[in-house]
Amino acid sequence: MVSTGISLVGTQNTESTWLDNVLGKSKIGIFSPDFEEANNTEIHLRNGENVVLDCKVYMLKDKTVSWHRRTAQGGELLTIGESTYTGDPRISGVPTYPNNWRLNITDVRHSDEGLYLCEISTHPPTVLHKKLIVKDAIIEVLGDKSHGDTMNPEDHKDRFYNPGSNIQLRCAIRRELKTPLSIYTDIQWSKDKELIDLHNRQSVSVGTQVEAERIVSTLVVKNAMISDTGVYTCSLPHLGNTSFPRASVPVHVIQGDHLAVYGSSQFYTCNNRILVTVLICLLLCTKSVLV
């Protein structure tokens, strides 16, 4: 028997060690689907911003990809494949060629904070974890004082006032303590992208309150008129054209059946008109009975 001088066992061990170093002992990602990015990552953003969560998968084959989230409110299925299952219109699945199963969230709120899971339907499931952390907006219009300082999700959409009532809007500017205070106190208010002139109309005033980590500016428009309807925005000149989604609020000054919920009106509200209508009906009925 002739010896070749080559150890087959030794060669096999060397190749196995090399593969283990490169691929890991499980070989996951070569014979089954896996993710192309790091797991357990954090995404930081501000209230009101938009975010896209990537989920890049290779070797998907006949498997499917789904998004789930776990927040303080509980767990929820968001997407499966190209279909969106959540009833929240701000959230949608946006698959991008060739292998990115993206999740898109617009107008992010504090309630969106939590753990987002991109899951491949292997057995057991292969899961990519992304933690979403939502910070306060740098500039935002606050809720009405009767509802507290924090803005409700719907507060920035529309506010209604009756003619003759007082419009009061409050805006918070969150600052860095190392930055000079004077930069943050130069707050400007505009309506429909035009600066509000505080000198030519005595019924309009702006007050500023300095707190520990924020400055609160209050805009007051007394005896509101129909022409005061518009989109009001607070801004800082030194930030230029930077967009702050929570810094604007639509205001409507209307005289009609819509019940104004802010301020006190000198005109009839919806409840007043209902009462008057009932009284007229009672008078007419009484008159008909007497006749």
Protein backbone atom coordinates (compact mmCIF):
# COMPACT_ATOMS: atom_id res chain seq x y z
CA MET A 1 0.00 0.00 0.00
CA VAL A 2 1.47 3.33 -1.06
CA SER A 3 1.01 6.38 1.14
CA THR A 4 0.27 9.68 -0.61
CA GLY A 5 1.40 11.79 2.32
CA ILE A 6 -1.84 13.76 2.30
CA SER A 7 -4.12 13.68 5.31
CA LEU A 8 -7.75 13.86 4.14
CA VAL A 9 -8.90 14.34 7.71
CA GLY A 10 -6.57 17.27 8.19
CA THR A 11 -7.75 18.94 4.94
CA GLN A 12 -11.41 18.59 5.94
CA ASN A 13 -10.78 20.16 9.34
CA THR A 14 -9.00 23.14 7.76
CA GLU A 15 -11.89 23.83 5.35
CA SER A 16 -14.44 23.48 8.16
CA THR A 17 -12.56 25.99 10.32
CA TRP A 18 -12.33 28.46 7.42
CA LEU A 19 -16.09 28.23 6.71
CA ASP A 20 -16.93 28.59 10.36
CA ASN A 21 -14.84 31.76 10.62
CA VAL A 22 -16.44 33.32 7.56
CA LEU A 23 -20.05 32.16 7.83
CA GLY A 24 -20.47 31.06 11.40
CA LYS A 25 -21.12 27.51 12.46
CA SER A 26 -24.84 27.69 11.69
CA LYS A 27 -24.25 28.75 8.03
CA ILE A 28 -27.46 30.86 8.31
CA GLY A 29 -27.79 33.24 5.37
CA ILE A 30 -26.30 30.78 2.89
CA PHE A 31 -28.89 28.01 2.97
CA SER A 32 -31.80 30.09 4.35
CA PRO A 33 -33.05 33.72 4.20
CA ASP A 34 -31.37 36.33 6.38
CA PHE A 35 -30.97 40.10 6.77
CA GLU A 36 -28.25 42.23 5.22
CA GLU A 37 -28.05 44.74 8.09
CA ALA A 38 -27.24 44.84 11.77
CA ASN A 39 -29.86 43.74 14.29
CA ASN A 40 -31.12 45.53 17.42
CA THR A 41 -30.65 49.10 16.14
CA GLU A 42 -32.18 52.37 17.39
CA ILE A 43 -33.72 55.15 15.30
CA HIS A 44 -34.07 58.59 16.91
CA LEU A 45 -36.38 61.21 15.43
CA ARG A 46 -38.58 64.15 16.39
CA ASN A 47 -42.32 64.28 16.88
CA GLY A 48 -43.98 65.13 13.54
CA GLU A 49 -41.19 63.83 11.29
CA ASN A 50 -41.35 60.96 8.79
CA VAL A 51 -39.31 57.78 8.95
CA VAL A 52 -38.55 54.82 6.67
CA LEU A 53 -37.47 51.54 8.29
CA ASP A 54 -35.36 49.35 6.01
CA CYS A 55 -35.49 45.56 5.98
CA LYS A 56 -33.11 44.13 3.39
CA VAL A 57 -33.44 40.37 2.89
CA TYR A 58 -31.49 38.00 0.68
CA MET A 59 -32.24 34.40 -0.34
CA LEU A 60 -35.95 34.96 0.46
CA LYS A 61 -37.03 32.21 -1.97
CA ASP A 62 -40.61 31.13 -1.13
CA LYS A 63 -40.75 32.87 2.27
CA THR A 64 -42.65 36.05 3.12
CA VAL A 65 -41.71 39.19 5.04
CA SER A 66 -43.96 40.90 7.58
CA TRP A 67 -43.73 43.92 9.89
CA HIS A 68 -45.00 43.97 13.48
CA ARG A 69 -44.71 46.50 16.26
CA ARG A 70 -44.77 46.40 20.03
CA THR A 71 -45.63 49.65 21.81
CA ALA A 72 -47.06 50.65 25.16
CA GLN A 73 -50.50 50.01 23.62
CA GLY A 74 -49.66 46.39 22.74
CA GLY A 75 -48.66 44.36 19.68
CA GLU A 76 -49.94 44.89 16.13
CA LEU A 77 -49.48 43.32 12.70
CA LEU A 78 -48.60 46.06 10.19
CA THR A 79 -47.78 44.40 6.86
CA ILE A 80 -47.44 41.01 5.17
CA GLY A 81 -45.57 41.02 1.89
CA GLU A 82 -46.85 43.93 -0.21
CA SER A 83 -50.13 44.23 1.71
CA THR A 84 -50.72 46.68 4.58
CA TYR A 85 -52.95 45.41 7.40
CA THR A 86 -52.96 48.26 9.90
CA GLY A 87 -55.86 50.70 9.87
CA ASP A 88 -53.50 53.61 10.52
CA PRO A 89 -53.23 55.56 7.22
CA ARG A 90 -49.83 56.97 8.28
CA ILE A 91 -48.25 53.51 8.06
CA SER A 92 -47.64 51.57 4.84
CA GLY A 93 -45.40 48.87 3.44
CA VAL A 94 -43.21 50.08 0.58
CA PRO A 95 -41.23 47.16 -0.95
CA THR A 96 -38.28 48.47 -2.96
CA TYR A 97 -36.49 46.51 -5.67
CA PRO A 98 -34.66 44.25 -5.39
CA ASN A 99 -34.92 43.11 -1.75
CA ASN A 100 -35.79 45.96 0.64
CA TRP A 101 -39.12 45.46 2.45
CA ARG A 102 -39.47 49.01 3.77
CA LEU A 103 -41.97 50.29 6.33
CA ASN A 104 -42.99 53.93 5.93
CA ILE A 105 -44.39 56.00 8.84
CA THR A 106 -45.44 59.61 8.29
CA ASP A 107 -46.29 62.28 10.87
CA VAL A 108 -44.65 60.30 13.69
CA ARG A 109 -46.19 60.69 17.16
CA HIS A 110 -45.00 59.79 20.64
CA SER A 111 -47.42 56.85 20.63
CA ASP A 112 -45.43 55.32 17.75
CA GLU A 113 -42.43 54.82 20.00
CA GLY A 114 -41.59 51.16 20.54
CA LEU A 115 -40.07 48.03 19.01
CA TYR A 116 -40.58 47.27 15.30
CA LEU A 117 -40.00 43.74 14.05
CA CYS A 118 -39.28 42.70 10.47
CA GLU A 119 -39.95 38.97 10.34
CA ILE A 120 -39.10 36.29 7.76
CA SER A 121 -41.47 33.29 7.76
CA THR A 122 -38.78 30.69 8.42
CA HIS A 123 -39.18 28.03 11.12
CA PRO A 124 -38.49 29.36 13.66
CA PRO A 125 -39.05 32.95 12.37
CA THR A 126 -35.99 35.09 11.62
CA VAL A 127 -36.53 38.53 13.15
CA LEU A 128 -34.87 41.94 12.73
CA HIS A 129 -35.42 44.33 15.66
CA LYS A 130 -35.55 48.12 15.31
CA LYS A 131 -36.35 50.39 18.25
CA LEU A 132 -38.05 53.70 17.43
CA ILE A 133 -37.40 56.54 19.89
CA VAL A 134 -39.52 59.68 19.42
CA LYS A 135 -38.28 62.93 20.97
CA ASP A 136 -40.17 66.19 21.46
CA ALA A 137 -40.29 68.51 18.46
CA ILE A 138 -37.82 71.40 18.56
CA ILE A 139 -40.64 73.83 17.70
CA GLU A 140 -44.31 72.98 18.21
CA VAL A 141 -47.64 74.67 18.77
CA LEU A 142 -48.93 73.54 22.15
CA GLY A 143 -52.43 72.38 22.99
CA ASP A 144 -54.94 74.65 24.65
CA LYS A 145 -54.23 75.33 28.34
CA SER A 146 -57.41 73.54 29.33
CA HIS A 147 -55.93 70.35 27.82
CA GLY A 148 -52.44 70.72 29.28
CA ASP A 149 -49.16 71.68 27.62
CA THR A 150 -48.73 68.57 25.51
CA MET A 151 -50.35 68.74 22.11
CA ASN A 152 -52.97 66.11 21.34
CA PRO A 153 -52.46 64.28 18.01
CA GLU A 154 -55.43 66.12 16.48
CA ASP A 155 -54.71 69.58 17.95
CA HIS A 156 -52.38 70.69 15.18
CA LYS A 157 -54.94 70.07 12.43
CA ASP A 158 -57.68 72.65 12.92
CA ARG A 159 -58.90 75.09 15.56
CA PHE A 160 -62.22 76.89 15.37
CA TYR A 161 -63.18 80.27 16.82
CA ASN A 162 -66.30 82.38 16.65
CA PRO A 163 -66.06 85.96 15.37
CA GLY A 164 -65.44 88.32 18.29
CA SER A 165 -63.64 85.70 20.37
CA ASN A 166 -59.97 85.80 21.36
CA ILE A 167 -57.51 83.59 19.51
CA GLN A 168 -54.70 82.36 21.75
CA LEU A 169 -51.90 80.20 20.35
CA ARG A 170 -48.90 78.95 22.32
CA CYS A 171 -45.63 77.78 20.80
CA ALA A 172 -42.76 75.98 22.57
CA ILE A 173 -39.13 76.32 21.48
CA ARG A 174 -36.83 73.70 23.00
CA ARG A 175 -33.28 74.95 23.31
CA GLU A 176 -29.78 73.72 24.04
CA LEU A 177 -28.54 75.19 27.29
CA LYS A 178 -25.11 76.02 25.80
CA THR A 179 -26.67 78.23 23.12
CA PRO A 180 -27.25 81.95 23.93
CA LEU A 181 -30.78 82.58 25.17
CA SER A 182 -31.21 85.62 22.90
CA ILE A 183 -31.27 83.37 19.82
CA TYR A 184 -34.37 81.56 21.09
CA THR A 185 -36.35 84.57 22.29
CA ASP A 186 -36.48 86.12 18.81
CA ILE A 187 -39.63 84.16 17.95
CA GLN A 188 -41.66 85.17 14.91
CA TRP A 189 -45.32 84.45 14.14
CA SER A 190 -46.69 84.35 10.62
CA LYS A 191 -50.08 83.77 9.02
CA ASP A 192 -50.18 82.07 5.62
CA LYS A 193 -46.36 82.49 5.38
CA GLU A 194 -46.51 86.27 5.93
CA LEU A 195 -45.08 87.80 9.11
CA ILE A 196 -47.69 89.19 11.47
CA ASP A 197 -47.29 92.95 11.95
CA LEU A 198 -47.52 93.69 15.67
CA HIS A 199 -47.34 97.47 15.24
CA ASN A 200 -50.29 98.26 12.98
CA ARG A 201 -52.93 96.29 14.89
CA GLN A 202 -53.31 96.90 18.61
CA SER A 203 -55.49 93.82 19.12
CA VAL A 204 -52.54 91.52 18.32
CA SER A 205 -49.85 90.87 20.94
CA VAL A 206 -47.05 88.38 21.64
CA GLY A 207 -45.71 87.38 25.05
CA THR A 208 -42.64 85.30 25.89
CA GLN A 209 -42.04 83.08 28.91
CA VAL A 210 -38.58 81.60 29.58
CA GLU A 211 -38.51 78.18 31.26
CA ALA A 212 -35.69 75.76 32.09
CA GLU A 213 -35.27 74.04 28.73
CA ARG A 214 -37.79 75.83 26.57
CA ILE A 215 -39.24 79.20 25.68
CA VAL A 216 -43.02 79.56 25.31
CA SER A 217 -44.36 82.27 23.00
CA THR A 218 -48.04 83.20 23.21
CA LEU A 219 -49.85 84.93 20.34
CA VAL A 220 -53.15 86.64 21.22
CA VAL A 221 -55.56 88.05 18.63
CA LYS A 222 -58.44 89.88 20.34
CA ASN A 223 -61.87 90.28 18.76
CA ALA A 224 -61.11 87.84 15.98
CA MET A 225 -62.48 88.55 12.50
CA ILE A 226 -63.19 86.29 9.54
CA SER A 227 -60.02 87.64 7.90
CA ASP A 228 -57.97 86.15 10.77
CA THR A 229 -58.57 82.68 9.31
CA GLY A 230 -55.35 81.06 8.09
CA VAL A 231 -52.39 78.83 8.92
CA TYR A 232 -50.38 80.22 11.85
CA THR A 233 -46.70 79.31 12.22
CA CYS A 234 -44.05 80.13 14.82
CA SER A 235 -40.39 80.14 13.79
CA LEU A 236 -36.87 81.23 14.65
CA PRO A 237 -34.99 83.37 12.09
CA HIS A 238 -31.61 81.75 12.76
CA LEU A 239 -32.96 78.32 11.74
CA GLY A 240 -33.68 79.56 8.21
CA ASN A 241 -36.07 77.52 6.10
CA THR A 242 -35.88 74.39 8.25
CA SER A 243 -39.25 72.64 8.28
CA PHE A 244 -40.90 71.88 11.63
CA PRO A 245 -44.19 69.99 11.06
CA ARG A 246 -45.53 70.68 14.55
CA ALA A 247 -44.90 74.45 14.35
CA SER A 248 -48.06 75.24 12.35
CA VAL A 249 -51.77 75.11 13.10
CA PRO A 250 -54.79 75.95 10.86
CA VAL A 251 -57.18 78.46 12.46
CA HIS A 252 -60.78 79.01 11.31
CA VAL A 253 -62.86 82.01 12.34
CA ILE A 254 -66.39 81.16 11.26
CA GLN A 255 -69.93 82.27 11.96
CA GLY A 256 -72.20 79.30 11.46
CA ASP A 257 -73.35 76.02 12.96
CA HIS A 258 -69.87 74.78 13.84
CA LEU A 259 -69.46 75.03 17.61
CA ALA A 260 -66.31 77.01 18.39
CA VAL A 261 -64.39 75.23 21.12
CA TYR A 262 -61.77 77.86 21.93
CA GLY A 263 -62.39 81.33 23.36
CA SER A 264 -65.66 83.08 24.21
CA SER A 265 -67.85 84.57 21.49
CA GLN A 266 -69.98 87.68 21.45
CA PHE A 267 -72.24 85.96 18.92
CA TYR A 268 -74.66 83.07 19.16
CA THR A 269 -73.09 79.63 19.30
CA CYS A 270 -74.77 76.48 18.13
CA ASN A 271 -76.30 75.84 21.59
CA ASN A 272 -77.76 79.37 21.71
CA ARG A 273 -79.46 78.94 18.37
CA ILE A 274 -80.96 75.59 19.36
CA LEU A 275 -82.42 77.18 22.50
CA VAL A 276 -83.91 80.07 20.50
CA THR A 277 -85.43 77.63 17.98
CA VAL A 278 -87.08 75.63 20.77
CA LEU A 279 -88.54 78.79 22.33
CA ILE A 280 -89.99 79.93 18.99
CA CYS A 281 -91.61 76.53 18.47
CA LEU A 282 -93.16 76.67 21.95
CA LEU A 283 -94.57 80.14 21.27
CA LEU A 284 -96.06 79.05 17.94
CA CYS A 285 -97.62 75.98 19.50
CA THR A 286 -99.10 78.01 22.37
CA LYS A 287 -100.55 80.54 19.91
CA SER A 288 -102.19 77.80 17.82
CA VAL A 289 -103.79 76.27 20.93
CA LEU A 290 -105.20 79.62 22.04
CA VAL A 291 -106.69 80.22 18.59
